[in-house]
Amino acid sequence: MKKVVTWGLVISYIALCIAICVIGIKIFDGNYDIVAEGCIAFIFLLISCGCNIYRAFSNRCPHCGKIRLSNGKYCAHCGKEI
């Protein structure tokens, strides 16, 4: 599942950058009809935020099950090697 979330983040960041670039190009050309591109950018922003939240709370210790805040060699809660 972590690979799916990582690929979701990569794809959503790329699509978000493309949507923002299209918005910038349209505004630079004087076309202010950017509602569709704004909605697409907002959707990909929500997807990237959801993936980041999932990644933050899915990093758990295999021994005690508590959330690890760092990627160290030992768990800060139980002290066992990961």
N, C-alpha and C. Protein backbone atom coordinates (compact mmCIF):
# COMPACT_ATOMS: atom_id res chain seq x y z
N MET A 1 0.82 -1.20 0.00
CA MET A 1 0.00 0.00 0.00
C MET A 1 0.86 1.26 0.00
N LYS A 2 2.07 1.17 0.59
CA LYS A 2 2.92 2.35 0.63
C LYS A 2 3.40 2.75 -0.75
N LYS A 3 3.61 1.77 -1.64
CA LYS A 3 4.01 2.10 -3.01
C LYS A 3 2.88 2.79 -3.76
N VAL A 4 1.65 2.35 -3.51
CA VAL A 4 0.50 2.98 -4.16
C VAL A 4 0.37 4.43 -3.71
N VAL A 5 0.55 4.67 -2.42
CA VAL A 5 0.46 6.02 -1.89
C VAL A 5 1.59 6.89 -2.44
N THR A 6 2.80 6.32 -2.53
CA THR A 6 3.92 7.08 -3.06
C THR A 6 3.70 7.44 -4.52
N TRP A 7 3.24 6.49 -5.31
CA TRP A 7 2.94 6.79 -6.72
C TRP A 7 1.78 7.76 -6.84
N GLY A 8 0.80 7.65 -5.95
CA GLY A 8 -0.30 8.62 -5.95
C GLY A 8 0.20 10.03 -5.69
N LEU A 9 1.16 10.15 -4.76
CA LEU A 9 1.75 11.46 -4.49
C LEU A 9 2.50 12.00 -5.70
N VAL A 10 3.30 11.17 -6.32
CA VAL A 10 4.09 11.61 -7.47
C VAL A 10 3.17 12.06 -8.61
N ILE A 11 2.18 11.25 -8.91
CA ILE A 11 1.28 11.58 -10.01
C ILE A 11 0.45 12.82 -9.69
N SER A 12 0.00 12.94 -8.45
CA SER A 12 -0.81 14.11 -8.10
C SER A 12 0.02 15.39 -8.11
N TYR A 13 1.29 15.32 -7.68
CA TYR A 13 2.15 16.51 -7.74
C TYR A 13 2.42 16.93 -9.18
N ILE A 14 2.67 15.95 -10.05
CA ILE A 14 2.92 16.27 -11.45
C ILE A 14 1.68 16.89 -12.09
N ALA A 15 0.52 16.28 -11.85
CA ALA A 15 -0.72 16.80 -12.42
C ALA A 15 -1.06 18.18 -11.85
N LEU A 16 -0.77 18.38 -10.56
CA LEU A 16 -1.01 19.69 -9.95
C LEU A 16 -0.12 20.75 -10.57
N CYS A 17 1.13 20.43 -10.80
CA CYS A 17 2.04 21.39 -11.45
C CYS A 17 1.58 21.71 -12.87
N ILE A 18 1.13 20.71 -13.61
CA ILE A 18 0.65 20.93 -14.97
C ILE A 18 -0.58 21.83 -14.95
N ALA A 19 -1.51 21.56 -14.03
CA ALA A 19 -2.74 22.37 -13.95
C ALA A 19 -2.42 23.81 -13.59
N ILE A 20 -1.50 24.01 -12.66
CA ILE A 20 -1.13 25.37 -12.28
C ILE A 20 -0.42 26.08 -13.43
N CYS A 21 0.41 25.36 -14.18
CA CYS A 21 1.06 25.96 -15.35
C CYS A 21 0.05 26.36 -16.41
N VAL A 22 -0.96 25.53 -16.63
CA VAL A 22 -2.00 25.86 -17.61
C VAL A 22 -2.78 27.09 -17.15
N ILE A 23 -3.06 27.17 -15.86
CA ILE A 23 -3.74 28.36 -15.33
C ILE A 23 -2.89 29.60 -15.57
N GLY A 24 -1.59 29.50 -15.29
CA GLY A 24 -0.70 30.64 -15.50
C GLY A 24 -0.62 31.06 -16.95
N ILE A 25 -0.56 30.10 -17.85
CA ILE A 25 -0.49 30.41 -19.28
C ILE A 25 -1.78 31.09 -19.74
N LYS A 26 -2.93 30.58 -19.27
CA LYS A 26 -4.21 31.18 -19.67
C LYS A 26 -4.34 32.60 -19.14
N ILE A 27 -3.91 32.84 -17.91
CA ILE A 27 -3.98 34.19 -17.36
C ILE A 27 -3.02 35.12 -18.10
N PHE A 28 -1.83 34.61 -18.43
CA PHE A 28 -0.85 35.43 -19.15
C PHE A 28 -1.37 35.83 -20.53
N ASP A 29 -2.16 34.95 -21.17
CA ASP A 29 -2.74 35.26 -22.47
C ASP A 29 -3.98 36.15 -22.38
N GLY A 30 -4.44 36.42 -21.18
CA GLY A 30 -5.61 37.29 -21.02
C GLY A 30 -6.92 36.53 -20.95
N ASN A 31 -6.89 35.23 -20.92
CA ASN A 31 -8.09 34.41 -20.82
C ASN A 31 -8.30 34.10 -19.34
N TYR A 32 -9.35 34.66 -18.75
CA TYR A 32 -9.57 34.49 -17.33
C TYR A 32 -10.62 33.42 -17.02
N ASP A 33 -10.92 32.56 -17.97
CA ASP A 33 -11.86 31.46 -17.77
C ASP A 33 -11.05 30.24 -17.30
N ILE A 34 -10.77 30.17 -16.00
CA ILE A 34 -9.90 29.12 -15.47
C ILE A 34 -10.61 28.25 -14.43
N VAL A 35 -11.93 28.19 -14.50
CA VAL A 35 -12.69 27.43 -13.51
C VAL A 35 -12.39 25.94 -13.60
N ALA A 36 -12.35 25.39 -14.79
CA ALA A 36 -12.11 23.96 -14.95
C ALA A 36 -10.71 23.58 -14.47
N GLU A 37 -9.72 24.36 -14.84
CA GLU A 37 -8.35 24.07 -14.42
C GLU A 37 -8.20 24.24 -12.91
N GLY A 38 -8.91 25.21 -12.35
CA GLY A 38 -8.88 25.41 -10.90
C GLY A 38 -9.48 24.23 -10.16
N CYS A 39 -10.57 23.69 -10.69
CA CYS A 39 -11.19 22.51 -10.07
C CYS A 39 -10.28 21.29 -10.16
N ILE A 40 -9.63 21.12 -11.30
CA ILE A 40 -8.70 20.00 -11.46
C ILE A 40 -7.53 20.15 -10.50
N ALA A 41 -6.98 21.34 -10.37
CA ALA A 41 -5.87 21.58 -9.45
C ALA A 41 -6.31 21.32 -8.01
N PHE A 42 -7.52 21.74 -7.65
CA PHE A 42 -8.02 21.52 -6.30
C PHE A 42 -8.19 20.03 -6.00
N ILE A 43 -8.68 19.26 -6.96
CA ILE A 43 -8.85 17.82 -6.77
C ILE A 43 -7.50 17.15 -6.54
N PHE A 44 -6.50 17.50 -7.34
CA PHE A 44 -5.19 16.89 -7.16
C PHE A 44 -4.52 17.38 -5.88
N LEU A 45 -4.82 18.58 -5.43
CA LEU A 45 -4.32 19.06 -4.15
C LEU A 45 -4.91 18.24 -3.01
N LEU A 46 -6.20 17.94 -3.09
CA LEU A 46 -6.84 17.11 -2.07
C LEU A 46 -6.27 15.69 -2.07
N ILE A 47 -6.00 15.14 -3.25
CA ILE A 47 -5.41 13.80 -3.33
C ILE A 47 -4.03 13.78 -2.70
N SER A 48 -3.22 14.79 -2.99
CA SER A 48 -1.88 14.82 -2.41
C SER A 48 -1.92 15.02 -0.90
N CYS A 49 -2.86 15.82 -0.40
CA CYS A 49 -2.99 15.99 1.05
C CYS A 49 -3.43 14.69 1.71
N GLY A 50 -4.36 13.98 1.09
CA GLY A 50 -4.80 12.70 1.62
C GLY A 50 -3.68 11.67 1.66
N CYS A 51 -2.88 11.63 0.61
CA CYS A 51 -1.74 10.69 0.58
C CYS A 51 -0.71 11.05 1.65
N ASN A 52 -0.46 12.34 1.85
CA ASN A 52 0.48 12.75 2.88
C ASN A 52 -0.02 12.41 4.28
N ILE A 53 -1.30 12.59 4.52
CA ILE A 53 -1.87 12.24 5.82
C ILE A 53 -1.79 10.73 6.05
N TYR A 54 -2.08 9.95 5.02
CA TYR A 54 -1.99 8.49 5.15
C TYR A 54 -0.56 8.06 5.45
N ARG A 55 0.42 8.66 4.76
CA ARG A 55 1.82 8.30 4.99
C ARG A 55 2.26 8.67 6.40
N ALA A 56 1.75 9.78 6.93
CA ALA A 56 2.15 10.21 8.26
C ALA A 56 1.64 9.27 9.35
N PHE A 57 0.44 8.73 9.16
CA PHE A 57 -0.15 7.90 10.20
C PHE A 57 -0.01 6.41 9.94
N SER A 58 0.64 6.00 8.87
CA SER A 58 0.79 4.56 8.61
C SER A 58 2.16 4.04 9.01
N ASN A 59 3.03 4.91 9.48
CA ASN A 59 4.37 4.52 9.89
C ASN A 59 4.32 4.07 11.35
N ARG A 60 4.10 2.78 11.58
CA ARG A 60 3.94 2.24 12.94
C ARG A 60 5.04 1.25 13.27
N CYS A 61 5.30 1.12 14.55
CA CYS A 61 6.27 0.15 15.04
C CYS A 61 5.66 -1.25 14.92
N PRO A 62 6.40 -2.23 14.41
CA PRO A 62 5.85 -3.59 14.29
C PRO A 62 5.70 -4.29 15.63
N HIS A 63 6.36 -3.79 16.68
CA HIS A 63 6.31 -4.46 17.98
C HIS A 63 5.20 -3.91 18.88
N CYS A 64 5.16 -2.58 19.05
CA CYS A 64 4.18 -2.00 19.96
C CYS A 64 2.98 -1.39 19.24
N GLY A 65 3.10 -1.10 17.94
CA GLY A 65 2.00 -0.58 17.17
C GLY A 65 1.80 0.92 17.27
N LYS A 66 2.67 1.62 17.99
CA LYS A 66 2.54 3.07 18.11
C LYS A 66 3.17 3.76 16.90
N ILE A 67 2.70 4.97 16.63
CA ILE A 67 3.16 5.72 15.46
C ILE A 67 4.60 6.16 15.70
N ARG A 68 5.46 5.87 14.72
CA ARG A 68 6.86 6.31 14.79
C ARG A 68 6.97 7.67 14.13
N LEU A 69 7.64 8.59 14.79
CA LEU A 69 7.80 9.93 14.27
C LEU A 69 9.11 10.12 13.52
N SER A 70 10.00 9.14 13.62
CA SER A 70 11.27 9.21 12.91
C SER A 70 11.54 7.86 12.25
N ASN A 71 12.52 7.83 11.38
CA ASN A 71 12.87 6.60 10.70
C ASN A 71 14.15 6.02 11.28
N GLY A 72 14.32 6.11 12.58
CA GLY A 72 15.51 5.60 13.25
C GLY A 72 15.54 4.09 13.30
N LYS A 73 16.62 3.58 13.90
CA LYS A 73 16.83 2.14 13.98
C LYS A 73 16.01 1.52 15.11
N TYR A 74 15.67 2.31 16.13
CA TYR A 74 14.94 1.81 17.29
C TYR A 74 13.65 2.59 17.47
N CYS A 75 12.66 1.93 18.07
CA CYS A 75 11.38 2.57 18.36
C CYS A 75 11.55 3.46 19.59
N ALA A 76 11.00 4.67 19.54
CA ALA A 76 11.11 5.60 20.67
C ALA A 76 10.21 5.19 21.83
N HIS A 77 9.19 4.38 21.58
CA HIS A 77 8.24 4.01 22.64
C HIS A 77 8.67 2.73 23.35
N CYS A 78 9.00 1.68 22.61
CA CYS A 78 9.31 0.40 23.24
C CYS A 78 10.81 0.12 23.28
N GLY A 79 11.61 0.80 22.46
CA GLY A 79 13.04 0.63 22.48
C GLY A 79 13.56 -0.57 21.70
N LYS A 80 12.69 -1.28 21.02
CA LYS A 80 13.12 -2.46 20.26
C LYS A 80 13.61 -2.05 18.89
N GLU A 81 14.51 -2.87 18.35
CA GLU A 81 15.06 -2.59 17.02
C GLU A 81 14.03 -2.90 15.95
N ILE A 82 13.96 -2.03 14.99
CA ILE A 82 12.97 -2.20 13.91
C ILE A 82 13.64 -2.83 12.71
